[in-house]
Every structure is written in C-alpha cells, then in structure tokens.
Amino acid sequence: MEEYLRSLEMNGIIKPSNIDDVSIIAQLTQGSNQFSLKTKRYTEKEIKEFMNSKNHLYYAIKLKDKFGVYGVIPIIIIE
C-alpha cells in the first residue's frame, strides 16, 4: 500500500482561501460525510463575510497526483 501511494506522486498544497474558493468552500460545507468534524453548513454569503472578518481564517487544501489536479478537497475554517 505504501509503495502504491508513493507511486501516485500526490502533492497537497495548503493555502489561504480567496474569493475564487468561495463557491467550493460553501459546497464542501453543505456535504455530509464521515470526515466532517462539524455539521455546521455555510452559505456563500457567510463564507464571504468570514473572509472579511479578522476573527476567521480559511485554508483550502488542493490535491494533485500523477493523473491530474483534483482542486480543493478539504478546507480548514478557524475562528
């Protein structure tokens, strides 16, 4: 398994979110899966308000591997 994962050449990029990520961040908070640590859902309007707040930090994590770029997979929201 470890060799297979290494062969995928996966790279994750953590970066502060920007206005271009608002739509995907809102979509990711609307979904439900076993990886959600919180069940709070946010709208695009709320995300934009948080981005303008000094009390919140948003990070988007983008993933790519040898097959392609998957875009924003998880997000981190810190208050």
Protein backbone atom coordinates (compact mmCIF):
# COMPACT_ATOMS: atom_id res chain seq x y z
CA MET A 1 0.00 0.00 0.00
CA GLU A 2 2.79 2.43 0.92
CA GLU A 3 4.57 1.82 -2.37
CA TYR A 4 1.35 2.32 -4.33
CA LEU A 5 0.61 5.62 -2.58
CA ARG A 6 4.15 6.82 -3.23
CA SER A 7 3.77 5.89 -6.91
CA LEU A 8 0.80 8.28 -7.20
CA GLU A 9 3.14 11.23 -6.63
CA MET A 10 0.49 13.05 -4.58
CA ASN A 11 1.10 16.67 -3.61
CA GLY A 12 -1.10 18.68 -1.30
CA ILE A 13 -0.98 22.45 -1.29
CA ILE A 14 -2.31 24.35 1.73
CA LYS A 15 -3.05 27.99 1.03
CA PRO A 16 -5.18 30.74 2.48
CA SER A 17 -8.53 30.76 0.73
CA ASN A 18 -9.51 33.61 -1.51
CA ILE A 19 -12.65 34.82 -3.22
CA ASP A 20 -12.16 32.28 -6.02
CA ASP A 21 -12.66 29.47 -3.49
CA VAL A 22 -15.96 30.75 -2.01
CA SER A 23 -18.22 28.55 -4.10
CA ILE A 24 -16.32 25.31 -3.48
CA ILE A 25 -15.94 26.09 0.25
CA ALA A 26 -19.69 26.57 0.57
CA GLN A 27 -20.30 23.34 -1.38
CA LEU A 28 -17.91 21.39 0.82
CA THR A 29 -19.64 22.62 4.00
CA GLN A 30 -23.01 21.57 2.58
CA GLY A 31 -21.93 17.98 2.02
CA SER A 32 -22.02 15.37 4.71
CA ASN A 33 -19.54 12.58 5.11
CA GLN A 34 -17.54 10.75 7.73
CA PHE A 35 -14.73 13.30 7.52
CA SER A 36 -16.79 16.32 8.64
CA LEU A 37 -15.69 17.40 12.09
CA LYS A 38 -18.59 19.81 12.41
CA THR A 39 -22.08 19.72 10.95
CA LYS A 40 -22.36 23.49 10.51
CA ARG A 41 -23.32 24.44 6.96
CA TYR A 42 -22.30 27.79 5.46
CA THR A 43 -23.67 29.73 2.51
CA GLU A 44 -21.52 31.62 0.03
CA LYS A 45 -22.64 34.87 1.67
CA GLU A 46 -21.48 33.64 5.09
CA ILE A 47 -18.15 32.49 3.66
CA LYS A 48 -17.58 35.94 2.14
CA GLU A 49 -18.42 37.59 5.47
CA PHE A 50 -15.96 35.31 7.28
CA MET A 51 -13.25 36.11 4.73
CA ASN A 52 -13.69 39.79 5.54
CA SER A 53 -13.61 39.10 9.28
CA LYS A 54 -10.46 39.40 11.37
CA ASN A 55 -11.81 36.57 13.56
CA HIS A 56 -11.70 33.81 10.94
CA LEU A 57 -9.05 32.04 8.91
CA TYR A 58 -9.81 29.87 5.92
CA TYR A 59 -7.43 27.47 4.26
CA ALA A 60 -8.04 25.44 1.14
CA ILE A 61 -6.12 22.25 0.51
CA LYS A 62 -5.65 21.35 -3.12
CA LEU A 63 -4.53 17.92 -4.24
CA LYS A 64 -2.81 16.75 -7.38
CA ASP A 65 -1.21 13.48 -8.37
CA LYS A 66 0.30 11.94 -11.47
CA PHE A 67 -3.17 11.59 -13.00
CA GLY A 68 -4.35 15.16 -12.58
CA VAL A 69 -5.41 18.04 -10.37
CA TYR A 70 -8.37 17.49 -8.07
CA GLY A 71 -8.80 21.04 -6.86
CA VAL A 72 -9.93 21.89 -3.33
CA ILE A 73 -10.60 18.70 -1.44
CA PRO A 74 -10.74 19.66 2.26
CA ILE A 75 -10.99 23.06 3.85
CA ILE A 76 -9.96 24.35 7.25
CA ILE A 77 -12.04 27.01 8.96
CA ILE A 78 -10.61 28.54 12.13
CA GLU A 79 -12.41 31.02 14.35
